[in-house]
Amino acid sequence: MKLMYSPTSPFVRRVRAVAFELGLADRISLEAVTVAPGRENEEFAATINPLRKIPALVLDDGAVLIDSSVICAYLDSLAGGGRVIPITAPEEWQVLSQQAIADGMTDALVLARYEVALRPQPLRWPQWLEDQQSRFWTGLAWFERIAATALDSRGGACDVSQIALACCLGYADFRFEGFDWPARAPRVSAWYREFMQRPSMSNTAPA
């Protein structure tokens, strides 16, 4: 399998971390791709993902899987199922909902990053930037409220929503130094410090 990736993408990091957790990392090769707003990659759009987004996973038979959540679900099934995504209700739906919140938080941070890093200063929209960052903060507050259940280690295991949240917070640390998010979410912060010791996280740190 081949993963189309960027070393700084939090969505790519999630896929790679899941692969490490499932013991599948050595079956996936990496191919760096440049995709960003305003930087067209026609070949990638034509052959891999028409939306020009990463990650994308090219399977051994040539089929392509798009979107980090889809790829993580595929890897979980490849590892036998029920490893990072529960297969019974209500746990399955709760984990997938938590993953969706972490997805939205990460999307918001990526868009905020693009607004500052790519858009010329005279064209920036401060209210829109503030709104995107607010989505991160409200998502973080939500996880802080449910930390006792959402971030339970369950004897050392982890689920895809926890990996997604850790990758989001890692991206916040990487791109937004002034956020100081741990001050607003002490329970999430304590969990995060421990979670980042996992090999799946240390082996996938953005660079």
N, C-alpha and C. Protein backbone atom coordinates (compact mmCIF):
# COMPACT_ATOMS: atom_id res chain seq x y z
N MET A 1 0.84 -1.19 0.00
CA MET A 1 0.00 0.00 0.00
C MET A 1 0.88 1.24 0.00
N LYS A 2 0.37 2.30 -0.59
CA LYS A 2 1.13 3.55 -0.67
C LYS A 2 0.27 4.69 -0.15
N LEU A 3 0.82 5.44 0.81
CA LEU A 3 0.10 6.57 1.39
C LEU A 3 0.63 7.87 0.81
N MET A 4 -0.25 8.61 0.16
CA MET A 4 0.09 9.93 -0.35
C MET A 4 0.01 10.89 0.82
N TYR A 5 1.13 11.59 1.11
CA TYR A 5 1.19 12.28 2.39
C TYR A 5 1.99 13.57 2.34
N SER A 6 1.86 14.33 3.42
CA SER A 6 2.73 15.45 3.75
C SER A 6 3.13 15.26 5.20
N PRO A 7 4.38 15.51 5.55
CA PRO A 7 4.82 15.25 6.93
C PRO A 7 4.21 16.18 7.97
N THR A 8 3.57 17.26 7.54
CA THR A 8 2.98 18.19 8.50
C THR A 8 1.46 18.07 8.62
N SER A 9 0.83 17.24 7.80
CA SER A 9 -0.63 17.13 7.81
C SER A 9 -1.12 16.36 9.04
N PRO A 10 -2.02 16.94 9.83
CA PRO A 10 -2.56 16.20 10.98
C PRO A 10 -3.45 15.04 10.55
N PHE A 11 -4.06 15.14 9.38
CA PHE A 11 -4.91 14.05 8.90
C PHE A 11 -4.05 12.87 8.45
N VAL A 12 -2.94 13.16 7.80
CA VAL A 12 -2.00 12.09 7.46
C VAL A 12 -1.44 11.46 8.72
N ARG A 13 -1.11 12.29 9.69
CA ARG A 13 -0.55 11.75 10.93
C ARG A 13 -1.52 10.77 11.57
N ARG A 14 -2.80 11.08 11.54
CA ARG A 14 -3.78 10.17 12.13
C ARG A 14 -3.71 8.79 11.46
N VAL A 15 -3.67 8.78 10.13
CA VAL A 15 -3.60 7.50 9.42
C VAL A 15 -2.33 6.75 9.79
N ARG A 16 -1.22 7.45 9.81
CA ARG A 16 0.04 6.79 10.14
C ARG A 16 0.03 6.27 11.58
N ALA A 17 -0.53 7.05 12.50
CA ALA A 17 -0.59 6.61 13.89
C ALA A 17 -1.47 5.37 14.04
N VAL A 18 -2.61 5.37 13.35
CA VAL A 18 -3.48 4.19 13.38
C VAL A 18 -2.74 2.97 12.82
N ALA A 19 -2.00 3.17 11.74
CA ALA A 19 -1.23 2.06 11.16
C ALA A 19 -0.23 1.51 12.16
N PHE A 20 0.44 2.39 12.90
CA PHE A 20 1.38 1.92 13.92
C PHE A 20 0.65 1.17 15.03
N GLU A 21 -0.49 1.69 15.47
CA GLU A 21 -1.25 1.03 16.54
C GLU A 21 -1.70 -0.37 16.12
N LEU A 22 -1.98 -0.53 14.84
CA LEU A 22 -2.51 -1.80 14.34
C LEU A 22 -1.42 -2.74 13.84
N GLY A 23 -0.17 -2.31 13.91
CA GLY A 23 0.92 -3.15 13.42
C GLY A 23 0.99 -3.24 11.91
N LEU A 24 0.49 -2.22 11.22
CA LEU A 24 0.45 -2.23 9.76
C LEU A 24 1.40 -1.23 9.12
N ALA A 25 2.15 -0.50 9.93
CA ALA A 25 2.98 0.58 9.38
C ALA A 25 3.99 0.08 8.37
N ASP A 26 4.54 -1.12 8.60
CA ASP A 26 5.57 -1.62 7.69
C ASP A 26 5.00 -2.09 6.35
N ARG A 27 3.69 -2.10 6.23
CA ARG A 27 3.06 -2.48 4.96
C ARG A 27 2.70 -1.27 4.10
N ILE A 28 3.00 -0.08 4.62
CA ILE A 28 2.61 1.15 3.93
C ILE A 28 3.86 1.95 3.57
N SER A 29 4.03 2.24 2.29
CA SER A 29 5.10 3.14 1.86
C SER A 29 4.54 4.55 1.76
N LEU A 30 5.43 5.52 1.80
CA LEU A 30 5.02 6.93 1.80
C LEU A 30 5.47 7.62 0.52
N GLU A 31 4.58 8.43 -0.03
CA GLU A 31 4.92 9.24 -1.19
C GLU A 31 4.48 10.68 -0.93
N ALA A 32 5.45 11.58 -0.86
CA ALA A 32 5.16 12.97 -0.57
C ALA A 32 4.42 13.64 -1.73
N VAL A 33 3.42 14.44 -1.38
CA VAL A 33 2.60 15.15 -2.37
C VAL A 33 2.44 16.60 -1.91
N THR A 34 2.47 17.52 -2.86
CA THR A 34 2.23 18.93 -2.54
C THR A 34 0.81 19.29 -2.94
N VAL A 35 -0.01 19.59 -1.95
CA VAL A 35 -1.39 20.04 -2.20
C VAL A 35 -1.69 21.17 -1.23
N ALA A 36 -2.18 22.28 -1.75
CA ALA A 36 -2.55 23.43 -0.93
C ALA A 36 -3.41 24.35 -1.77
N PRO A 37 -4.28 25.14 -1.13
CA PRO A 37 -5.10 26.09 -1.89
C PRO A 37 -4.23 26.99 -2.77
N GLY A 38 -4.64 27.14 -4.00
CA GLY A 38 -3.90 27.99 -4.92
C GLY A 38 -2.72 27.33 -5.58
N ARG A 39 -2.47 26.07 -5.24
CA ARG A 39 -1.35 25.34 -5.84
C ARG A 39 -1.90 24.07 -6.48
N GLU A 40 -2.29 24.19 -7.71
CA GLU A 40 -2.93 23.07 -8.40
C GLU A 40 -1.92 21.94 -8.64
N ASN A 41 -2.40 20.75 -8.48
CA ASN A 41 -1.62 19.55 -8.79
C ASN A 41 -2.50 18.71 -9.69
N GLU A 42 -2.45 19.00 -10.99
CA GLU A 42 -3.36 18.38 -11.94
C GLU A 42 -3.17 16.87 -12.02
N GLU A 43 -1.94 16.43 -11.96
CA GLU A 43 -1.70 14.99 -12.04
C GLU A 43 -2.32 14.26 -10.86
N PHE A 44 -2.15 14.81 -9.66
CA PHE A 44 -2.73 14.20 -8.47
C PHE A 44 -4.25 14.19 -8.57
N ALA A 45 -4.83 15.29 -9.04
CA ALA A 45 -6.28 15.37 -9.18
C ALA A 45 -6.80 14.35 -10.18
N ALA A 46 -6.05 14.13 -11.24
CA ALA A 46 -6.50 13.23 -12.30
C ALA A 46 -6.34 11.76 -11.93
N THR A 47 -5.32 11.45 -11.13
CA THR A 47 -5.00 10.04 -10.89
C THR A 47 -5.31 9.55 -9.49
N ILE A 48 -5.40 10.46 -8.51
CA ILE A 48 -5.57 10.04 -7.11
C ILE A 48 -6.85 10.60 -6.49
N ASN A 49 -6.89 11.91 -6.27
CA ASN A 49 -8.04 12.52 -5.60
C ASN A 49 -8.44 13.80 -6.33
N PRO A 50 -9.61 13.82 -6.95
CA PRO A 50 -10.03 15.00 -7.70
C PRO A 50 -10.17 16.25 -6.84
N LEU A 51 -10.27 16.08 -5.51
CA LEU A 51 -10.37 17.22 -4.61
C LEU A 51 -9.00 17.76 -4.21
N ARG A 52 -7.94 17.09 -4.64
CA ARG A 52 -6.56 17.49 -4.36
C ARG A 52 -6.32 17.61 -2.85
N LYS A 53 -6.73 16.58 -2.12
CA LYS A 53 -6.52 16.55 -0.68
C LYS A 53 -5.78 15.27 -0.30
N ILE A 54 -5.08 15.36 0.81
CA ILE A 54 -4.43 14.19 1.39
C ILE A 54 -4.97 14.01 2.81
N PRO A 55 -4.88 12.76 3.30
CA PRO A 55 -4.21 11.60 2.74
C PRO A 55 -5.06 10.87 1.71
N ALA A 56 -4.38 10.05 0.92
CA ALA A 56 -5.03 9.10 0.03
C ALA A 56 -4.21 7.82 0.11
N LEU A 57 -4.88 6.71 0.17
CA LEU A 57 -4.20 5.42 0.27
C LEU A 57 -4.42 4.62 -1.00
N VAL A 58 -3.34 4.32 -1.71
CA VAL A 58 -3.40 3.51 -2.92
C VAL A 58 -3.17 2.06 -2.52
N LEU A 59 -4.17 1.24 -2.74
CA LEU A 59 -4.08 -0.16 -2.36
C LEU A 59 -3.24 -0.94 -3.37
N ASP A 60 -2.91 -2.16 -3.00
CA ASP A 60 -2.04 -2.97 -3.85
C ASP A 60 -2.67 -3.28 -5.20
N ASP A 61 -4.00 -3.27 -5.26
CA ASP A 61 -4.67 -3.54 -6.53
C ASP A 61 -4.93 -2.27 -7.34
N GLY A 62 -4.44 -1.14 -6.84
CA GLY A 62 -4.60 0.13 -7.56
C GLY A 62 -5.78 0.95 -7.12
N ALA A 63 -6.69 0.38 -6.34
CA ALA A 63 -7.83 1.14 -5.84
C ALA A 63 -7.33 2.23 -4.89
N VAL A 64 -8.07 3.33 -4.83
CA VAL A 64 -7.67 4.48 -4.01
C VAL A 64 -8.73 4.77 -2.96
N LEU A 65 -8.30 4.89 -1.72
CA LEU A 65 -9.20 5.28 -0.64
C LEU A 65 -8.90 6.73 -0.26
N ILE A 66 -9.96 7.51 -0.10
CA ILE A 66 -9.87 8.94 0.18
C ILE A 66 -10.42 9.24 1.56
N ASP A 67 -9.82 10.21 2.25
CA ASP A 67 -10.27 10.72 3.53
C ASP A 67 -9.69 9.90 4.68
N SER A 68 -9.16 10.60 5.67
CA SER A 68 -8.48 9.92 6.77
C SER A 68 -9.41 8.99 7.55
N SER A 69 -10.66 9.39 7.75
CA SER A 69 -11.59 8.53 8.49
C SER A 69 -11.87 7.24 7.75
N VAL A 70 -12.04 7.34 6.43
CA VAL A 70 -12.27 6.15 5.62
C VAL A 70 -11.05 5.24 5.65
N ILE A 71 -9.87 5.83 5.52
CA ILE A 71 -8.65 5.04 5.51
C ILE A 71 -8.44 4.34 6.85
N CYS A 72 -8.70 5.05 7.94
CA CYS A 72 -8.55 4.44 9.26
C CYS A 72 -9.52 3.28 9.45
N ALA A 73 -10.75 3.44 8.96
CA ALA A 73 -11.73 2.36 9.05
C ALA A 73 -11.26 1.15 8.24
N TYR A 74 -10.69 1.41 7.07
CA TYR A 74 -10.17 0.31 6.25
C TYR A 74 -9.03 -0.41 6.98
N LEU A 75 -8.11 0.34 7.56
CA LEU A 75 -6.98 -0.29 8.25
C LEU A 75 -7.46 -1.10 9.44
N ASP A 76 -8.47 -0.59 10.15
CA ASP A 76 -9.02 -1.34 11.28
C ASP A 76 -9.61 -2.66 10.81
N SER A 77 -10.33 -2.62 9.70
CA SER A 77 -10.90 -3.86 9.16
C SER A 77 -9.81 -4.81 8.69
N LEU A 78 -8.73 -4.26 8.12
CA LEU A 78 -7.63 -5.07 7.66
C LEU A 78 -6.94 -5.79 8.82
N ALA A 79 -6.98 -5.16 9.98
CA ALA A 79 -6.35 -5.74 11.17
C ALA A 79 -7.29 -6.66 11.94
N GLY A 80 -8.47 -6.89 11.40
CA GLY A 80 -9.41 -7.80 12.03
C GLY A 80 -10.67 -7.17 12.55
N GLY A 81 -10.70 -5.83 12.62
CA GLY A 81 -11.90 -5.13 13.06
C GLY A 81 -11.98 -4.99 14.57
N GLY A 82 -12.57 -3.88 14.99
CA GLY A 82 -12.77 -3.67 16.42
C GLY A 82 -11.53 -3.29 17.19
N ARG A 83 -10.47 -2.93 16.51
CA ARG A 83 -9.22 -2.61 17.20
C ARG A 83 -9.18 -1.15 17.65
N VAL A 84 -9.44 -0.23 16.74
CA VAL A 84 -9.47 1.20 17.11
C VAL A 84 -10.86 1.80 16.89
N ILE A 85 -11.75 1.03 16.28
CA ILE A 85 -13.14 1.46 16.11
C ILE A 85 -14.04 0.36 16.68
N PRO A 86 -14.75 0.63 17.77
CA PRO A 86 -15.63 -0.39 18.34
C PRO A 86 -16.64 -0.90 17.30
N ILE A 87 -17.05 -2.13 17.44
CA ILE A 87 -17.97 -2.71 16.46
C ILE A 87 -19.36 -2.94 17.04
N THR A 88 -19.57 -2.51 18.27
CA THR A 88 -20.89 -2.66 18.87
C THR A 88 -21.38 -1.31 19.39
N ALA A 89 -22.71 -1.13 19.33
CA ALA A 89 -23.33 0.08 19.87
C ALA A 89 -23.45 -0.05 21.38
N PRO A 90 -23.46 1.06 22.11
CA PRO A 90 -23.37 2.44 21.62
C PRO A 90 -21.94 2.95 21.47
N GLU A 91 -20.94 2.12 21.86
CA GLU A 91 -19.55 2.60 21.84
C GLU A 91 -19.11 3.02 20.43
N GLU A 92 -19.53 2.26 19.42
CA GLU A 92 -19.12 2.59 18.06
C GLU A 92 -19.56 3.98 17.66
N TRP A 93 -20.81 4.31 17.92
CA TRP A 93 -21.34 5.60 17.49
C TRP A 93 -20.74 6.74 18.31
N GLN A 94 -20.45 6.48 19.58
CA GLN A 94 -19.84 7.51 20.40
C GLN A 94 -18.43 7.83 19.92
N VAL A 95 -17.65 6.79 19.63
CA VAL A 95 -16.29 7.00 19.15
C VAL A 95 -16.29 7.71 17.80
N LEU A 96 -17.19 7.33 16.91
CA LEU A 96 -17.24 7.98 15.60
C LEU A 96 -17.70 9.43 15.73
N SER A 97 -18.60 9.71 16.67
CA SER A 97 -19.01 11.09 16.89
C SER A 97 -17.87 11.91 17.45
N GLN A 98 -17.12 11.33 18.38
CA GLN A 98 -15.95 12.02 18.93
C GLN A 98 -14.91 12.27 17.85
N GLN A 99 -14.74 11.30 16.97
CA GLN A 99 -13.82 11.49 15.86
C GLN A 99 -14.28 12.65 14.97
N ALA A 100 -15.58 12.75 14.75
CA ALA A 100 -16.11 13.83 13.92
C ALA A 100 -15.84 15.20 14.55
N ILE A 101 -15.96 15.30 15.88
CA ILE A 101 -15.65 16.56 16.55
C ILE A 101 -14.17 16.89 16.38
N ALA A 102 -13.31 15.90 16.60
CA ALA A 102 -11.87 16.13 16.42
C ALA A 102 -11.55 16.50 14.97
N ASP A 103 -12.26 15.89 14.02
CA ASP A 103 -12.11 16.25 12.61
C ASP A 103 -12.42 17.73 12.38
N GLY A 104 -13.55 18.17 12.94
CA GLY A 104 -13.96 19.55 12.76
C GLY A 104 -12.99 20.53 13.38
N MET A 105 -12.46 20.18 14.54
CA MET A 105 -11.46 21.02 15.18
C MET A 105 -10.21 21.14 14.31
N THR A 106 -9.81 20.01 13.74
CA THR A 106 -8.60 20.00 12.91
C THR A 106 -8.83 20.77 11.62
N ASP A 107 -9.98 20.56 10.99
CA ASP A 107 -10.33 21.32 9.78
C ASP A 107 -10.23 22.82 10.05
N ALA A 108 -10.78 23.24 11.19
CA ALA A 108 -10.79 24.66 11.53
C ALA A 108 -9.38 25.20 11.67
N LEU A 109 -8.50 24.43 12.31
CA LEU A 109 -7.12 24.88 12.48
C LEU A 109 -6.39 24.95 11.15
N VAL A 110 -6.62 23.97 10.29
CA VAL A 110 -5.97 23.99 8.98
C VAL A 110 -6.42 25.20 8.18
N LEU A 111 -7.72 25.49 8.21
CA LEU A 111 -8.23 26.67 7.49
C LEU A 111 -7.67 27.96 8.08
N ALA A 112 -7.55 28.01 9.40
CA ALA A 112 -6.96 29.18 10.05
C ALA A 112 -5.50 29.34 9.63
N ARG A 113 -4.80 28.24 9.53
CA ARG A 113 -3.41 28.28 9.09
C ARG A 113 -3.31 28.80 7.66
N TYR A 114 -4.17 28.33 6.79
CA TYR A 114 -4.16 28.79 5.40
C TYR A 114 -4.44 30.30 5.33
N GLU A 115 -5.38 30.75 6.16
CA GLU A 115 -5.74 32.18 6.13
C GLU A 115 -4.54 33.06 6.45
N VAL A 116 -3.73 32.62 7.39
CA VAL A 116 -2.58 33.42 7.82
C VAL A 116 -1.37 33.19 6.93
N ALA A 117 -1.13 31.94 6.54
CA ALA A 117 0.10 31.60 5.83
C ALA A 117 0.02 31.84 4.33
N LEU A 118 -1.19 31.73 3.74
CA LEU A 118 -1.30 31.79 2.29
C LEU A 118 -2.01 33.03 1.78
N ARG A 119 -2.97 33.55 2.54
CA ARG A 119 -3.72 34.71 2.04
C ARG A 119 -2.95 36.00 2.29
N PRO A 120 -2.82 36.86 1.29
CA PRO A 120 -2.12 38.14 1.50
C PRO A 120 -2.79 38.96 2.60
N GLN A 121 -2.00 39.67 3.35
CA GLN A 121 -2.50 40.44 4.50
C GLN A 121 -3.71 41.32 4.17
N PRO A 122 -3.72 42.07 3.06
CA PRO A 122 -4.88 42.95 2.79
C PRO A 122 -6.18 42.20 2.55
N LEU A 123 -6.08 40.91 2.23
CA LEU A 123 -7.28 40.14 1.90
C LEU A 123 -7.76 39.26 3.06
N ARG A 124 -7.08 39.28 4.15
CA ARG A 124 -7.48 38.43 5.27
C ARG A 124 -8.76 38.93 5.92
N TRP A 125 -9.53 37.99 6.45
CA TRP A 125 -10.84 38.27 7.05
C TRP A 125 -10.75 37.94 8.54
N PRO A 126 -10.50 38.90 9.39
CA PRO A 126 -10.27 38.62 10.81
C PRO A 126 -11.43 37.90 11.49
N GLN A 127 -12.67 38.29 11.16
CA GLN A 127 -13.82 37.64 11.79
C GLN A 127 -13.92 36.17 11.41
N TRP A 128 -13.60 35.88 10.16
CA TRP A 128 -13.63 34.47 9.72
C TRP A 128 -12.55 33.67 10.42
N LEU A 129 -11.36 34.26 10.54
CA LEU A 129 -10.26 33.59 11.24
C LEU A 129 -10.63 33.32 12.69
N GLU A 130 -11.23 34.31 13.33
CA GLU A 130 -11.65 34.15 14.72
C GLU A 130 -12.70 33.05 14.85
N ASP A 131 -13.60 32.96 13.87
CA ASP A 131 -14.63 31.94 13.91
C ASP A 131 -14.03 30.54 13.79
N GLN A 132 -13.05 30.37 12.91
CA GLN A 132 -12.40 29.07 12.76
C GLN A 132 -11.69 28.68 14.06
N GLN A 133 -10.96 29.60 14.63
CA GLN A 133 -10.27 29.29 15.87
C GLN A 133 -11.25 28.99 16.99
N SER A 134 -12.40 29.66 16.99
CA SER A 134 -13.42 29.41 18.00
C SER A 134 -13.94 27.98 17.93
N ARG A 135 -14.00 27.43 16.73
CA ARG A 135 -14.46 26.05 16.58
C ARG A 135 -13.49 25.08 17.27
N PHE A 136 -12.22 25.39 17.19
CA PHE A 136 -11.24 24.59 17.93
C PHE A 136 -11.49 24.69 19.43
N TRP A 137 -11.68 25.92 19.91
CA TRP A 137 -11.84 26.11 21.35
C TRP A 137 -13.11 25.47 21.89
N THR A 138 -14.21 25.58 21.15
CA THR A 138 -15.45 24.96 21.64
C THR A 138 -15.36 23.44 21.58
N GLY A 139 -14.67 22.91 20.59
CA GLY A 139 -14.45 21.47 20.54
C GLY A 139 -13.58 21.00 21.69
N LEU A 140 -12.55 21.77 21.99
CA LEU A 140 -11.68 21.42 23.12
C LEU A 140 -12.46 21.43 24.43
N ALA A 141 -13.31 22.44 24.62
CA ALA A 141 -14.13 22.51 25.83
C ALA A 141 -15.06 21.30 25.93
N TRP A 142 -15.57 20.86 24.80
CA TRP A 142 -16.45 19.69 24.77
C TRP A 142 -15.70 18.44 25.23
N PHE A 143 -14.49 18.24 24.72
CA PHE A 143 -13.70 17.09 25.15
C PHE A 143 -13.31 17.20 26.62
N GLU A 144 -13.05 18.42 27.09
CA GLU A 144 -12.72 18.60 28.50
C GLU A 144 -13.89 18.17 29.38
N ARG A 145 -15.12 18.45 28.96
CA ARG A 145 -16.30 18.08 29.75
C ARG A 145 -16.49 16.57 29.80
N ILE A 146 -16.16 15.88 28.73
CA ILE A 146 -16.42 14.43 28.69
C ILE A 146 -15.13 13.62 28.79
N ALA A 147 -14.07 14.24 29.29
CA ALA A 147 -12.76 13.58 29.32
C ALA A 147 -12.79 12.25 30.06
N ALA A 148 -13.56 12.17 31.12
CA ALA A 148 -13.57 10.95 31.93
C ALA A 148 -13.97 9.72 31.13
N THR A 149 -14.84 9.90 30.14
CA THR A 149 -15.27 8.76 29.32
C THR A 149 -14.57 8.74 27.96
N ALA A 150 -14.46 9.89 27.31
CA ALA A 150 -13.91 9.94 25.96
C ALA A 150 -12.43 9.60 25.92
N LEU A 151 -11.71 9.91 27.00
CA LEU A 151 -10.26 9.73 27.00
C LEU A 151 -9.82 8.60 27.91
N ASP A 152 -10.72 7.71 28.25
CA ASP A 152 -10.39 6.55 29.07
C ASP A 152 -9.42 5.65 28.31
N SER A 153 -8.35 5.25 28.98
CA SER A 153 -7.32 4.44 28.31
C SER A 153 -7.74 2.98 28.14
N ARG A 154 -8.73 2.54 28.89
CA ARG A 154 -9.23 1.16 28.77
C ARG A 154 -8.09 0.14 28.79
N GLY A 155 -7.26 0.23 29.79
CA GLY A 155 -6.20 -0.76 29.95
C GLY A 155 -5.07 -0.62 28.96
N GLY A 156 -4.83 0.57 28.46
CA GLY A 156 -3.73 0.79 27.54
C GLY A 156 -4.12 0.84 26.08
N ALA A 157 -5.36 0.48 25.76
CA ALA A 157 -5.82 0.55 24.37
C ALA A 157 -6.20 1.99 24.04
N CYS A 158 -6.39 2.25 22.76
CA CYS A 158 -6.86 3.58 22.36
C CYS A 158 -7.81 3.41 21.18
N ASP A 159 -8.57 4.46 20.90
CA ASP A 159 -9.48 4.39 19.77
C ASP A 159 -9.18 5.51 18.78
N VAL A 160 -9.84 5.46 17.65
CA VAL A 160 -9.53 6.38 16.56
C VAL A 160 -9.85 7.83 16.92
N SER A 161 -10.83 8.04 17.78
CA SER A 161 -11.16 9.42 18.16
C SER A 161 -10.07 10.01 19.04
N GLN A 162 -9.49 9.21 19.90
CA GLN A 162 -8.39 9.69 20.73
C GLN A 162 -7.17 10.02 19.87
N ILE A 163 -6.88 9.19 18.90
CA ILE A 163 -5.78 9.46 17.98
C ILE A 163 -6.05 10.75 17.21
N ALA A 164 -7.29 10.92 16.75
CA ALA A 164 -7.65 12.12 16.00
C ALA A 164 -7.47 13.37 16.86
N LEU A 165 -7.89 13.31 18.12
CA LEU A 165 -7.75 14.46 19.01
C LEU A 165 -6.28 14.75 19.28
N ALA A 166 -5.49 13.72 19.53
CA ALA A 166 -4.06 13.92 19.78
C ALA A 166 -3.37 14.56 18.59
N CYS A 167 -3.73 14.13 17.39
CA CYS A 167 -3.14 14.72 16.18
C CYS A 167 -3.57 16.17 16.01
N CYS A 168 -4.80 16.47 16.35
CA CYS A 168 -5.28 17.86 16.30
C CYS A 168 -4.51 18.73 17.27
N LEU A 169 -4.35 18.28 18.50
CA LEU A 169 -3.63 19.06 19.51
C LEU A 169 -2.15 19.19 19.14
N GLY A 170 -1.60 18.14 18.55
CA GLY A 170 -0.22 18.21 18.09
C GLY A 170 -0.06 19.25 16.99
N TYR A 171 -1.06 19.36 16.12
CA TYR A 171 -1.02 20.37 15.07
C TYR A 171 -1.13 21.77 15.66
N ALA A 172 -1.96 21.91 16.69
CA ALA A 172 -2.08 23.20 17.37
C ALA A 172 -0.73 23.61 17.97
N ASP A 173 -0.04 22.68 18.59
CA ASP A 173 1.28 22.97 19.15
C ASP A 173 2.27 23.33 18.05
N PHE A 174 2.17 22.66 16.92
CA PHE A 174 3.12 22.83 15.82
C PHE A 174 2.93 24.15 15.09
N ARG A 175 1.68 24.55 14.89
CA ARG A 175 1.39 25.72 14.06
C ARG A 175 0.94 26.96 14.82
N PHE A 176 0.48 26.80 16.07
CA PHE A 176 -0.09 27.93 16.80
C PHE A 176 0.54 28.00 18.19
N GLU A 177 1.76 28.47 18.26
CA GLU A 177 2.50 28.47 19.51
C GLU A 177 1.81 29.27 20.61
N GLY A 178 1.13 30.32 20.27
CA GLY A 178 0.53 31.18 21.28
C GLY A 178 -0.79 30.71 21.85
N PHE A 179 -1.29 29.58 21.41
CA PHE A 179 -2.60 29.13 21.85
C PHE A 179 -2.64 28.79 23.35
N ASP A 180 -1.61 28.12 23.84
CA ASP A 180 -1.59 27.68 25.24
C ASP A 180 -2.89 26.97 25.60
N TRP A 181 -3.30 26.04 24.76
CA TRP A 181 -4.56 25.36 25.00
C TRP A 181 -4.59 24.56 26.30
N PRO A 182 -3.43 24.00 26.80
CA PRO A 182 -3.52 23.25 28.05
C PRO A 182 -4.07 24.04 29.22
N ALA A 183 -3.89 25.36 29.20
CA ALA A 183 -4.40 26.18 30.30
C ALA A 183 -5.92 26.14 30.36
N ARG A 184 -6.57 25.89 29.23
CA ARG A 184 -8.03 25.87 29.20
C ARG A 184 -8.60 24.47 29.38
N ALA A 185 -7.77 23.46 29.27
CA ALA A 185 -8.28 22.09 29.32
C ALA A 185 -7.32 21.21 30.10
N PRO A 186 -7.26 21.35 31.41
CA PRO A 186 -6.27 20.60 32.20
C PRO A 186 -6.44 19.09 32.14
N ARG A 187 -7.67 18.60 32.06
CA ARG A 187 -7.86 17.15 32.00
C ARG A 187 -7.41 16.61 30.65
N VAL A 188 -7.75 17.31 29.58
CA VAL A 188 -7.28 16.90 28.27
C VAL A 188 -5.77 17.00 28.20
N SER A 189 -5.21 18.04 28.80
CA SER A 189 -3.76 18.23 28.78
C SER A 189 -3.03 17.08 29.48
N ALA A 190 -3.53 16.68 30.63
CA ALA A 190 -2.90 15.58 31.36
C ALA A 190 -2.95 14.29 30.54
N TRP A 191 -4.10 14.04 29.94
CA TRP A 191 -4.22 12.86 29.07
C TRP A 191 -3.27 12.96 27.88
N TYR A 192 -3.19 14.12 27.27
CA TYR A 192 -2.37 14.32 26.07
C TYR A 192 -0.89 14.07 26.35
N ARG A 193 -0.39 14.58 27.48
CA ARG A 193 1.02 14.38 27.82
C ARG A 193 1.35 12.89 27.90
N GLU A 194 0.46 12.11 28.46
CA GLU A 194 0.69 10.67 28.55
C GLU A 194 0.52 10.01 27.20
N PHE A 195 -0.50 10.42 26.45
CA PHE A 195 -0.79 9.78 25.16
C PHE A 195 0.35 9.99 24.18
N MET A 196 1.01 11.13 24.25
CA MET A 196 2.08 11.43 23.31
C MET A 196 3.32 10.56 23.52
N GLN A 197 3.34 9.78 24.58
CA GLN A 197 4.44 8.84 24.80
C GLN A 197 4.28 7.57 23.98
N ARG A 198 3.11 7.38 23.41
CA ARG A 198 2.90 6.17 22.61
C ARG A 198 3.80 6.20 21.37
N PRO A 199 4.39 5.06 21.01
CA PRO A 199 5.23 5.03 19.80
C PRO A 199 4.52 5.51 18.54
N SER A 200 3.21 5.28 18.48
CA SER A 200 2.45 5.72 17.30
C SER A 200 2.48 7.23 17.14
N MET A 201 2.60 7.94 18.24
CA MET A 201 2.65 9.40 18.20
C MET A 201 4.08 9.92 18.02
N SER A 202 5.01 9.34 18.75
CA SER A 202 6.40 9.80 18.64
C SER A 202 6.96 9.50 17.25
N ASN A 203 6.52 8.42 16.63
CA ASN A 203 7.02 8.05 15.30
C ASN A 203 6.40 8.86 14.18
N THR A 204 5.39 9.66 14.49
CA THR A 204 4.67 10.40 13.42
C THR A 204 4.67 11.90 13.66
N ALA A 205 5.54 12.39 14.53
CA ALA A 205 5.55 13.82 14.85
C ALA A 205 5.79 14.64 13.60
N PRO A 206 5.09 15.78 13.43
CA PRO A 206 5.27 16.62 12.24
C PRO A 206 6.68 17.19 12.18
N ALA A 207 7.14 17.38 10.94
CA ALA A 207 8.50 17.90 10.75
C ALA A 207 8.52 18.88 9.59
